[in-house]
Amino acid sequence: MSGTQTQIPALPVLAPLAVILFAAVGWRLRRTPGRLLLGGAAVAYALAVVAVTLLPLQIATGDYANQIPWYEKGNWLPVITIDVVTFVANIVMFVPLGVLLALGDRTRTRTAGNVARIALACSATVEIVQFLTNVLVSSGRQADVNDLIANTLGGVIGFLAWRAVSVRVVSAT
């Protein structure tokens, strides 16, 4: 038997990514402190999602790699295969995205439908990367259709919750 299992830890991936993203946000939003703070929060949130969903990256080669067919490296059955704890954790993970989208909408023109599409696109990106890394380097991260549902729901809940709170605060003043 031959093969290796290697792990790429989070810090060597996140540190340069953080520097690049914070620098880009700082340069782009340098004139407006409020927008700069929101952009910084968005970058911090994105880095946290990457850390939780993709890192550390496991790489298996040789006898350890790809012992499962590619089509079995994802959960394609919605709802009936839900793990409740994971489902709730995925909802909670995307609530901040909805809040950030509500905070970034100065004209209040964004709708829950727009937020659902954005959350779905972000979640699909994570799930596709998880699936591809599992197929290509046997990362062990499994793509799950239930995560798409939970993440989208979490984004919408965060958006609607922030809108409800902000409307009450504005009307109370």
N, C-alpha and C. Protein backbone atom coordinates (compact mmCIF):
# COMPACT_ATOMS: atom_id res chain seq x y z
N MET A 1 0.83 -1.18 0.00
CA MET A 1 0.00 0.00 0.00
C MET A 1 0.88 1.24 0.00
N SER A 2 0.49 2.18 -0.84
CA SER A 2 1.22 3.45 -0.85
C SER A 2 0.22 4.59 -0.96
N GLY A 3 0.68 5.74 -0.58
CA GLY A 3 -0.17 6.91 -0.63
C GLY A 3 0.09 7.79 0.58
N THR A 4 -0.39 8.99 0.49
CA THR A 4 -0.19 9.92 1.60
C THR A 4 -1.48 10.67 1.89
N GLN A 5 -1.55 11.12 3.11
CA GLN A 5 -2.62 12.03 3.50
C GLN A 5 -1.96 13.28 4.04
N THR A 6 -2.26 14.40 3.41
CA THR A 6 -1.68 15.68 3.78
C THR A 6 -2.80 16.62 4.17
N GLN A 7 -2.48 17.54 5.04
CA GLN A 7 -3.47 18.53 5.46
C GLN A 7 -2.89 19.92 5.27
N ILE A 8 -3.65 20.77 4.60
CA ILE A 8 -3.27 22.17 4.48
C ILE A 8 -4.06 22.92 5.55
N PRO A 9 -3.37 23.46 6.55
CA PRO A 9 -4.08 24.14 7.63
C PRO A 9 -4.71 25.45 7.18
N ALA A 10 -5.58 25.98 8.01
CA ALA A 10 -6.34 27.17 7.65
C ALA A 10 -5.48 28.42 7.57
N LEU A 11 -4.58 28.62 8.50
CA LEU A 11 -3.83 29.87 8.59
C LEU A 11 -3.04 30.23 7.32
N PRO A 12 -2.30 29.31 6.71
CA PRO A 12 -1.57 29.68 5.50
C PRO A 12 -2.48 30.04 4.32
N VAL A 13 -3.71 29.61 4.37
CA VAL A 13 -4.67 29.97 3.31
C VAL A 13 -5.37 31.28 3.67
N LEU A 14 -5.83 31.38 4.91
CA LEU A 14 -6.63 32.54 5.31
C LEU A 14 -5.83 33.82 5.47
N ALA A 15 -4.60 33.73 5.94
CA ALA A 15 -3.80 34.94 6.18
C ALA A 15 -3.58 35.75 4.90
N PRO A 16 -3.04 35.15 3.83
CA PRO A 16 -2.86 35.96 2.61
C PRO A 16 -4.19 36.39 2.00
N LEU A 17 -5.20 35.52 2.09
CA LEU A 17 -6.51 35.88 1.56
C LEU A 17 -7.09 37.07 2.32
N ALA A 18 -6.91 37.08 3.64
CA ALA A 18 -7.39 38.20 4.46
C ALA A 18 -6.68 39.49 4.08
N VAL A 19 -5.38 39.44 3.91
CA VAL A 19 -4.62 40.64 3.55
C VAL A 19 -5.11 41.20 2.22
N ILE A 20 -5.28 40.33 1.24
CA ILE A 20 -5.73 40.76 -0.09
C ILE A 20 -7.13 41.35 -0.03
N LEU A 21 -8.05 40.64 0.64
CA LEU A 21 -9.44 41.12 0.68
C LEU A 21 -9.60 42.40 1.49
N PHE A 22 -8.95 42.47 2.65
CA PHE A 22 -9.05 43.69 3.46
C PHE A 22 -8.41 44.88 2.73
N ALA A 23 -7.30 44.63 2.02
CA ALA A 23 -6.66 45.71 1.25
C ALA A 23 -7.58 46.18 0.13
N ALA A 24 -8.21 45.24 -0.57
CA ALA A 24 -9.12 45.59 -1.66
C ALA A 24 -10.31 46.39 -1.14
N VAL A 25 -10.89 45.95 -0.04
CA VAL A 25 -12.03 46.67 0.54
C VAL A 25 -11.60 48.03 1.04
N GLY A 26 -10.45 48.09 1.70
CA GLY A 26 -9.94 49.37 2.20
C GLY A 26 -9.69 50.36 1.09
N TRP A 27 -9.12 49.89 -0.01
CA TRP A 27 -8.85 50.78 -1.14
C TRP A 27 -10.15 51.23 -1.81
N ARG A 28 -11.07 50.30 -1.98
CA ARG A 28 -12.32 50.58 -2.69
C ARG A 28 -13.25 51.49 -1.88
N LEU A 29 -13.28 51.33 -0.57
CA LEU A 29 -14.25 52.05 0.27
C LEU A 29 -13.58 53.06 1.20
N ARG A 30 -12.42 53.53 0.85
CA ARG A 30 -11.60 54.36 1.75
C ARG A 30 -12.23 55.69 2.14
N ARG A 31 -13.17 56.21 1.40
CA ARG A 31 -13.71 57.54 1.69
C ARG A 31 -14.93 57.53 2.60
N THR A 32 -15.50 56.39 2.81
CA THR A 32 -16.71 56.34 3.64
C THR A 32 -16.50 55.36 4.80
N PRO A 33 -16.31 55.88 5.99
CA PRO A 33 -16.02 55.00 7.14
C PRO A 33 -17.09 53.95 7.41
N GLY A 34 -18.36 54.31 7.27
CA GLY A 34 -19.43 53.34 7.51
C GLY A 34 -19.39 52.21 6.51
N ARG A 35 -19.18 52.53 5.25
CA ARG A 35 -19.10 51.50 4.22
C ARG A 35 -17.84 50.65 4.40
N LEU A 36 -16.76 51.30 4.84
CA LEU A 36 -15.51 50.59 5.11
C LEU A 36 -15.71 49.56 6.23
N LEU A 37 -16.41 49.96 7.27
CA LEU A 37 -16.70 49.04 8.37
C LEU A 37 -17.57 47.87 7.90
N LEU A 38 -18.58 48.17 7.11
CA LEU A 38 -19.45 47.12 6.57
C LEU A 38 -18.66 46.19 5.65
N GLY A 39 -17.80 46.75 4.81
CA GLY A 39 -16.97 45.93 3.93
C GLY A 39 -16.02 45.05 4.72
N GLY A 40 -15.44 45.60 5.78
CA GLY A 40 -14.56 44.81 6.64
C GLY A 40 -15.31 43.68 7.31
N ALA A 41 -16.53 43.95 7.76
CA ALA A 41 -17.36 42.91 8.37
C ALA A 41 -17.69 41.82 7.34
N ALA A 42 -17.96 42.22 6.11
CA ALA A 42 -18.27 41.25 5.05
C ALA A 42 -17.06 40.37 4.76
N VAL A 43 -15.88 40.96 4.73
CA VAL A 43 -14.65 40.19 4.49
C VAL A 43 -14.43 39.21 5.65
N ALA A 44 -14.57 39.68 6.88
CA ALA A 44 -14.39 38.82 8.05
C ALA A 44 -15.38 37.65 8.01
N TYR A 45 -16.62 37.95 7.64
CA TYR A 45 -17.63 36.91 7.54
C TYR A 45 -17.27 35.90 6.45
N ALA A 46 -16.86 36.37 5.29
CA ALA A 46 -16.49 35.47 4.19
C ALA A 46 -15.32 34.57 4.59
N LEU A 47 -14.34 35.14 5.27
CA LEU A 47 -13.20 34.34 5.73
C LEU A 47 -13.64 33.28 6.73
N ALA A 48 -14.57 33.63 7.60
CA ALA A 48 -15.08 32.66 8.58
C ALA A 48 -15.81 31.52 7.88
N VAL A 49 -16.60 31.84 6.86
CA VAL A 49 -17.32 30.80 6.12
C VAL A 49 -16.33 29.88 5.42
N VAL A 50 -15.31 30.45 4.80
CA VAL A 50 -14.29 29.63 4.14
C VAL A 50 -13.60 28.72 5.17
N ALA A 51 -13.27 29.28 6.31
CA ALA A 51 -12.59 28.49 7.35
C ALA A 51 -13.46 27.33 7.83
N VAL A 52 -14.74 27.57 8.00
CA VAL A 52 -15.63 26.54 8.54
C VAL A 52 -15.98 25.48 7.49
N THR A 53 -16.15 25.90 6.25
CA THR A 53 -16.67 24.98 5.24
C THR A 53 -15.60 24.28 4.40
N LEU A 54 -14.42 24.87 4.29
CA LEU A 54 -13.43 24.31 3.37
C LEU A 54 -12.10 23.93 4.01
N LEU A 55 -11.83 24.46 5.19
CA LEU A 55 -10.51 24.26 5.78
C LEU A 55 -10.62 23.52 7.10
N PRO A 56 -9.59 22.81 7.53
CA PRO A 56 -8.36 22.55 6.79
C PRO A 56 -8.64 21.63 5.60
N LEU A 57 -7.86 21.80 4.58
CA LEU A 57 -8.04 21.01 3.36
C LEU A 57 -7.25 19.71 3.48
N GLN A 58 -7.96 18.61 3.42
CA GLN A 58 -7.33 17.29 3.46
C GLN A 58 -7.02 16.87 2.02
N ILE A 59 -5.83 16.35 1.80
CA ILE A 59 -5.45 15.86 0.47
C ILE A 59 -4.97 14.43 0.63
N ALA A 60 -5.63 13.52 -0.04
CA ALA A 60 -5.26 12.11 0.00
C ALA A 60 -4.79 11.69 -1.39
N THR A 61 -3.69 10.96 -1.42
CA THR A 61 -3.16 10.46 -2.69
C THR A 61 -2.90 8.97 -2.57
N GLY A 62 -2.71 8.34 -3.69
CA GLY A 62 -2.39 6.92 -3.71
C GLY A 62 -3.55 6.06 -3.27
N ASP A 63 -3.26 5.09 -2.42
CA ASP A 63 -4.29 4.15 -1.97
C ASP A 63 -5.39 4.80 -1.15
N TYR A 64 -5.09 5.98 -0.58
CA TYR A 64 -6.08 6.68 0.24
C TYR A 64 -7.07 7.50 -0.58
N ALA A 65 -6.76 7.72 -1.82
CA ALA A 65 -7.54 8.66 -2.64
C ALA A 65 -8.64 7.98 -3.44
N ASN A 66 -9.73 8.69 -3.56
CA ASN A 66 -10.82 8.34 -4.47
C ASN A 66 -11.23 6.87 -4.44
N GLN A 67 -11.48 6.37 -3.26
CA GLN A 67 -11.96 5.00 -3.13
C GLN A 67 -13.48 4.94 -3.29
N ILE A 68 -14.11 6.09 -3.31
CA ILE A 68 -15.57 6.18 -3.49
C ILE A 68 -15.82 6.81 -4.85
N PRO A 69 -16.77 6.28 -5.64
CA PRO A 69 -17.07 6.90 -6.94
C PRO A 69 -17.52 8.36 -6.76
N TRP A 70 -17.21 9.21 -7.73
CA TRP A 70 -17.48 10.64 -7.64
C TRP A 70 -18.95 10.93 -7.38
N TYR A 71 -19.84 10.18 -7.96
CA TYR A 71 -21.27 10.46 -7.82
C TYR A 71 -21.80 10.12 -6.43
N GLU A 72 -21.01 9.44 -5.62
CA GLU A 72 -21.40 9.14 -4.25
C GLU A 72 -20.77 10.12 -3.25
N LYS A 73 -20.08 11.13 -3.74
CA LYS A 73 -19.40 12.09 -2.87
C LYS A 73 -20.26 13.32 -2.57
N GLY A 74 -21.54 13.19 -2.76
CA GLY A 74 -22.46 14.27 -2.44
C GLY A 74 -23.78 13.69 -1.97
N ASN A 75 -24.51 14.48 -1.23
CA ASN A 75 -25.85 14.08 -0.81
C ASN A 75 -26.83 14.80 -1.72
N TRP A 76 -27.48 14.07 -2.57
CA TRP A 76 -28.35 14.66 -3.60
C TRP A 76 -29.83 14.59 -3.24
N LEU A 77 -30.18 13.96 -2.12
CA LEU A 77 -31.58 13.81 -1.74
C LEU A 77 -31.98 14.89 -0.74
N PRO A 78 -32.85 15.81 -1.16
CA PRO A 78 -33.25 16.87 -0.23
C PRO A 78 -34.25 16.37 0.81
N VAL A 79 -34.24 17.02 1.93
CA VAL A 79 -35.18 16.90 3.04
C VAL A 79 -35.15 15.53 3.73
N ILE A 80 -35.31 14.43 3.02
CA ILE A 80 -35.41 13.13 3.70
C ILE A 80 -34.09 12.70 4.35
N THR A 81 -32.99 13.34 3.96
CA THR A 81 -31.69 12.98 4.54
C THR A 81 -31.16 14.07 5.47
N ILE A 82 -32.04 14.92 5.96
CA ILE A 82 -31.60 16.04 6.81
C ILE A 82 -31.09 15.56 8.15
N ASP A 83 -29.92 16.07 8.52
CA ASP A 83 -29.40 15.95 9.89
C ASP A 83 -29.77 17.27 10.55
N VAL A 84 -30.63 17.24 11.53
CA VAL A 84 -31.21 18.46 12.11
C VAL A 84 -30.14 19.40 12.66
N VAL A 85 -29.16 18.88 13.36
CA VAL A 85 -28.11 19.72 13.95
C VAL A 85 -27.34 20.45 12.85
N THR A 86 -26.95 19.74 11.81
CA THR A 86 -26.23 20.35 10.70
C THR A 86 -27.12 21.35 9.97
N PHE A 87 -28.38 21.03 9.81
CA PHE A 87 -29.32 21.91 9.12
C PHE A 87 -29.44 23.24 9.87
N VAL A 88 -29.62 23.16 11.17
CA VAL A 88 -29.73 24.38 11.99
C VAL A 88 -28.42 25.16 11.97
N ALA A 89 -27.29 24.46 12.05
CA ALA A 89 -25.99 25.14 12.01
C ALA A 89 -25.80 25.88 10.68
N ASN A 90 -26.27 25.29 9.60
CA ASN A 90 -26.16 25.95 8.29
C ASN A 90 -27.09 27.16 8.20
N ILE A 91 -28.23 27.09 8.81
CA ILE A 91 -29.11 28.26 8.85
C ILE A 91 -28.41 29.39 9.60
N VAL A 92 -27.89 29.08 10.78
CA VAL A 92 -27.22 30.07 11.62
C VAL A 92 -26.01 30.66 10.89
N MET A 93 -25.27 29.84 10.16
CA MET A 93 -24.08 30.32 9.46
C MET A 93 -24.40 31.38 8.41
N PHE A 94 -25.57 31.33 7.80
CA PHE A 94 -25.89 32.28 6.74
C PHE A 94 -26.76 33.45 7.19
N VAL A 95 -27.20 33.46 8.45
CA VAL A 95 -27.95 34.61 8.97
C VAL A 95 -27.13 35.90 8.83
N PRO A 96 -25.83 35.91 9.16
CA PRO A 96 -25.06 37.15 8.99
C PRO A 96 -25.01 37.66 7.55
N LEU A 97 -25.06 36.76 6.58
CA LEU A 97 -25.09 37.21 5.19
C LEU A 97 -26.34 38.03 4.93
N GLY A 98 -27.48 37.56 5.40
CA GLY A 98 -28.72 38.31 5.23
C GLY A 98 -28.68 39.66 5.92
N VAL A 99 -28.10 39.69 7.12
CA VAL A 99 -27.97 40.96 7.86
C VAL A 99 -27.05 41.91 7.09
N LEU A 100 -25.92 41.41 6.62
CA LEU A 100 -24.99 42.26 5.85
C LEU A 100 -25.64 42.79 4.57
N LEU A 101 -26.43 41.97 3.92
CA LEU A 101 -27.12 42.43 2.71
C LEU A 101 -28.16 43.50 3.05
N ALA A 102 -28.83 43.35 4.18
CA ALA A 102 -29.80 44.37 4.60
C ALA A 102 -29.08 45.67 4.96
N LEU A 103 -27.97 45.57 5.67
CA LEU A 103 -27.21 46.75 6.06
C LEU A 103 -26.63 47.49 4.85
N GLY A 104 -26.27 46.74 3.84
CA GLY A 104 -25.67 47.34 2.65
C GLY A 104 -26.68 47.92 1.68
N ASP A 105 -27.94 47.74 1.95
CA ASP A 105 -29.00 48.23 1.06
C ASP A 105 -29.48 49.60 1.55
N ARG A 106 -28.77 50.64 1.15
CA ARG A 106 -29.09 52.00 1.62
C ARG A 106 -30.44 52.49 1.12
N THR A 107 -30.85 52.05 -0.04
CA THR A 107 -32.11 52.55 -0.60
C THR A 107 -33.30 51.66 -0.25
N ARG A 108 -33.04 50.57 0.49
CA ARG A 108 -34.08 49.62 0.91
C ARG A 108 -34.86 49.06 -0.28
N THR A 109 -34.15 48.80 -1.37
CA THR A 109 -34.80 48.23 -2.55
C THR A 109 -34.59 46.73 -2.67
N ARG A 110 -33.69 46.18 -1.87
CA ARG A 110 -33.44 44.74 -1.93
C ARG A 110 -34.63 44.01 -1.33
N THR A 111 -34.98 42.89 -1.93
CA THR A 111 -36.11 42.10 -1.45
C THR A 111 -35.62 40.77 -0.90
N ALA A 112 -36.50 40.08 -0.21
CA ALA A 112 -36.16 38.75 0.31
C ALA A 112 -35.84 37.79 -0.84
N GLY A 113 -36.51 37.97 -1.97
CA GLY A 113 -36.22 37.14 -3.14
C GLY A 113 -34.81 37.35 -3.66
N ASN A 114 -34.38 38.63 -3.71
CA ASN A 114 -32.99 38.92 -4.11
C ASN A 114 -32.00 38.28 -3.15
N VAL A 115 -32.27 38.42 -1.87
CA VAL A 115 -31.38 37.85 -0.85
C VAL A 115 -31.35 36.34 -0.97
N ALA A 116 -32.50 35.72 -1.23
CA ALA A 116 -32.54 34.26 -1.41
C ALA A 116 -31.66 33.84 -2.58
N ARG A 117 -31.72 34.58 -3.68
CA ARG A 117 -30.88 34.25 -4.84
C ARG A 117 -29.39 34.42 -4.53
N ILE A 118 -29.04 35.48 -3.81
CA ILE A 118 -27.64 35.71 -3.45
C ILE A 118 -27.16 34.63 -2.49
N ALA A 119 -27.96 34.32 -1.48
CA ALA A 119 -27.59 33.27 -0.51
C ALA A 119 -27.46 31.92 -1.21
N LEU A 120 -28.37 31.62 -2.12
CA LEU A 120 -28.31 30.37 -2.87
C LEU A 120 -27.04 30.32 -3.71
N ALA A 121 -26.69 31.42 -4.36
CA ALA A 121 -25.47 31.46 -5.18
C ALA A 121 -24.23 31.28 -4.31
N CYS A 122 -24.18 31.94 -3.17
CA CYS A 122 -23.03 31.80 -2.26
C CYS A 122 -22.94 30.37 -1.73
N SER A 123 -24.07 29.82 -1.34
CA SER A 123 -24.10 28.45 -0.83
C SER A 123 -23.71 27.46 -1.92
N ALA A 124 -24.22 27.65 -3.13
CA ALA A 124 -23.88 26.76 -4.24
C ALA A 124 -22.38 26.80 -4.52
N THR A 125 -21.78 27.98 -4.41
CA THR A 125 -20.34 28.10 -4.61
C THR A 125 -19.58 27.25 -3.59
N VAL A 126 -19.97 27.36 -2.33
CA VAL A 126 -19.33 26.57 -1.28
C VAL A 126 -19.51 25.08 -1.55
N GLU A 127 -20.73 24.66 -1.87
CA GLU A 127 -21.00 23.24 -2.08
C GLU A 127 -20.27 22.70 -3.31
N ILE A 128 -20.18 23.48 -4.36
CA ILE A 128 -19.45 23.05 -5.56
C ILE A 128 -17.96 22.90 -5.25
N VAL A 129 -17.40 23.85 -4.51
CA VAL A 129 -15.98 23.74 -4.14
C VAL A 129 -15.77 22.53 -3.24
N GLN A 130 -16.67 22.29 -2.29
CA GLN A 130 -16.56 21.10 -1.45
C GLN A 130 -16.61 19.83 -2.29
N PHE A 131 -17.53 19.78 -3.22
CA PHE A 131 -17.66 18.60 -4.07
C PHE A 131 -16.41 18.39 -4.92
N LEU A 132 -15.95 19.45 -5.56
CA LEU A 132 -14.78 19.33 -6.44
C LEU A 132 -13.52 18.94 -5.67
N THR A 133 -13.32 19.55 -4.49
CA THR A 133 -12.14 19.17 -3.72
C THR A 133 -12.24 17.73 -3.23
N ASN A 134 -13.44 17.27 -2.95
CA ASN A 134 -13.60 15.88 -2.53
C ASN A 134 -13.33 14.93 -3.70
N VAL A 135 -13.82 15.27 -4.88
CA VAL A 135 -13.60 14.42 -6.04
C VAL A 135 -12.13 14.45 -6.47
N LEU A 136 -11.53 15.63 -6.47
CA LEU A 136 -10.17 15.77 -7.02
C LEU A 136 -9.07 15.38 -6.04
N VAL A 137 -9.22 15.70 -4.75
CA VAL A 137 -8.15 15.42 -3.79
C VAL A 137 -8.64 14.66 -2.56
N SER A 138 -9.83 14.10 -2.63
CA SER A 138 -10.41 13.32 -1.52
C SER A 138 -10.38 14.09 -0.20
N SER A 139 -10.94 15.29 -0.23
CA SER A 139 -10.90 16.16 0.95
C SER A 139 -11.79 15.68 2.09
N GLY A 140 -12.76 14.85 1.79
CA GLY A 140 -13.67 14.38 2.82
C GLY A 140 -14.85 15.30 3.06
N ARG A 141 -14.85 16.48 2.45
CA ARG A 141 -15.98 17.41 2.59
C ARG A 141 -17.07 16.99 1.61
N GLN A 142 -18.25 16.74 2.11
CA GLN A 142 -19.33 16.26 1.26
C GLN A 142 -20.29 17.39 0.92
N ALA A 143 -20.57 17.54 -0.36
CA ALA A 143 -21.58 18.49 -0.79
C ALA A 143 -22.95 17.94 -0.40
N ASP A 144 -23.85 18.83 0.00
CA ASP A 144 -25.15 18.38 0.49
C ASP A 144 -26.22 19.35 0.02
N VAL A 145 -27.23 18.85 -0.66
CA VAL A 145 -28.31 19.68 -1.16
C VAL A 145 -29.08 20.31 0.00
N ASN A 146 -29.11 19.66 1.15
CA ASN A 146 -29.79 20.23 2.31
C ASN A 146 -29.09 21.48 2.83
N ASP A 147 -27.76 21.54 2.63
CA ASP A 147 -27.02 22.75 3.00
C ASP A 147 -27.46 23.94 2.15
N LEU A 148 -27.74 23.68 0.88
CA LEU A 148 -28.25 24.76 0.01
C LEU A 148 -29.56 25.31 0.55
N ILE A 149 -30.42 24.43 0.95
CA ILE A 149 -31.73 24.84 1.48
C ILE A 149 -31.54 25.62 2.78
N ALA A 150 -30.75 25.07 3.70
CA ALA A 150 -30.55 25.71 5.00
C ALA A 150 -29.85 27.05 4.87
N ASN A 151 -28.81 27.11 4.05
CA ASN A 151 -28.07 28.36 3.89
C ASN A 151 -28.95 29.45 3.28
N THR A 152 -29.72 29.10 2.28
CA THR A 152 -30.62 30.07 1.66
C THR A 152 -31.65 30.56 2.68
N LEU A 153 -32.20 29.65 3.43
CA LEU A 153 -33.16 30.01 4.48
C LEU A 153 -32.51 30.92 5.52
N GLY A 154 -31.28 30.62 5.91
CA GLY A 154 -30.57 31.45 6.88
C GLY A 154 -30.35 32.87 6.39
N GLY A 155 -29.96 33.01 5.11
CA GLY A 155 -29.78 34.34 4.55
C GLY A 155 -31.07 35.15 4.57
N VAL A 156 -32.16 34.53 4.20
CA VAL A 156 -33.45 35.22 4.18
C VAL A 156 -33.90 35.56 5.60
N ILE A 157 -33.70 34.64 6.53
CA ILE A 157 -34.07 34.92 7.93
C ILE A 157 -33.27 36.10 8.46
N GLY A 158 -31.98 36.15 8.20
CA GLY A 158 -31.15 37.27 8.65
C GLY A 158 -31.60 38.58 8.06
N PHE A 159 -31.92 38.57 6.78
CA PHE A 159 -32.39 39.77 6.09
C PHE A 159 -33.70 40.26 6.68
N LEU A 160 -34.67 39.34 6.80
CA LEU A 160 -35.99 39.73 7.31
C LEU A 160 -35.92 40.15 8.78
N ALA A 161 -35.09 39.48 9.56
CA ALA A 161 -34.95 39.84 10.97
C ALA A 161 -34.36 41.24 11.10
N TRP A 162 -33.33 41.54 10.32
CA TRP A 162 -32.74 42.88 10.40
C TRP A 162 -33.74 43.94 9.94
N ARG A 163 -34.45 43.65 8.87
CA ARG A 163 -35.45 44.60 8.40
C ARG A 163 -36.52 44.83 9.45
N ALA A 164 -36.97 43.79 10.12
CA ALA A 164 -38.00 43.93 11.15
C ALA A 164 -37.47 44.74 12.32
N VAL A 165 -36.26 44.48 12.73
CA VAL A 165 -35.66 45.24 13.85
C VAL A 165 -35.44 46.69 13.45
N SER A 166 -34.91 46.93 12.28
CA SER A 166 -34.62 48.30 11.87
C SER A 166 -35.89 49.12 11.67
N VAL A 167 -36.95 48.52 11.19
CA VAL A 167 -38.21 49.22 11.03
C VAL A 167 -38.77 49.62 12.39
N ARG A 168 -38.69 48.71 13.37
CA ARG A 168 -39.19 49.01 14.71
C ARG A 168 -38.36 50.09 15.38
N VAL A 169 -37.05 50.06 15.18
CA VAL A 169 -36.19 51.07 15.79
C VAL A 169 -36.46 52.44 15.17
N VAL A 170 -36.61 52.48 13.86
CA VAL A 170 -36.87 53.76 13.17
C VAL A 170 -38.24 54.30 13.57
N SER A 171 -39.25 53.42 13.64
CA SER A 171 -40.59 53.89 13.98
C SER A 171 -40.70 54.28 15.46
N ALA A 172 -39.83 53.74 16.31
CA ALA A 172 -39.87 54.06 17.73
C ALA A 172 -39.21 55.40 18.02
N THR A 173 -38.42 55.91 17.09
CA THR A 173 -37.73 57.19 17.35
C THR A 173 -38.49 58.37 16.83
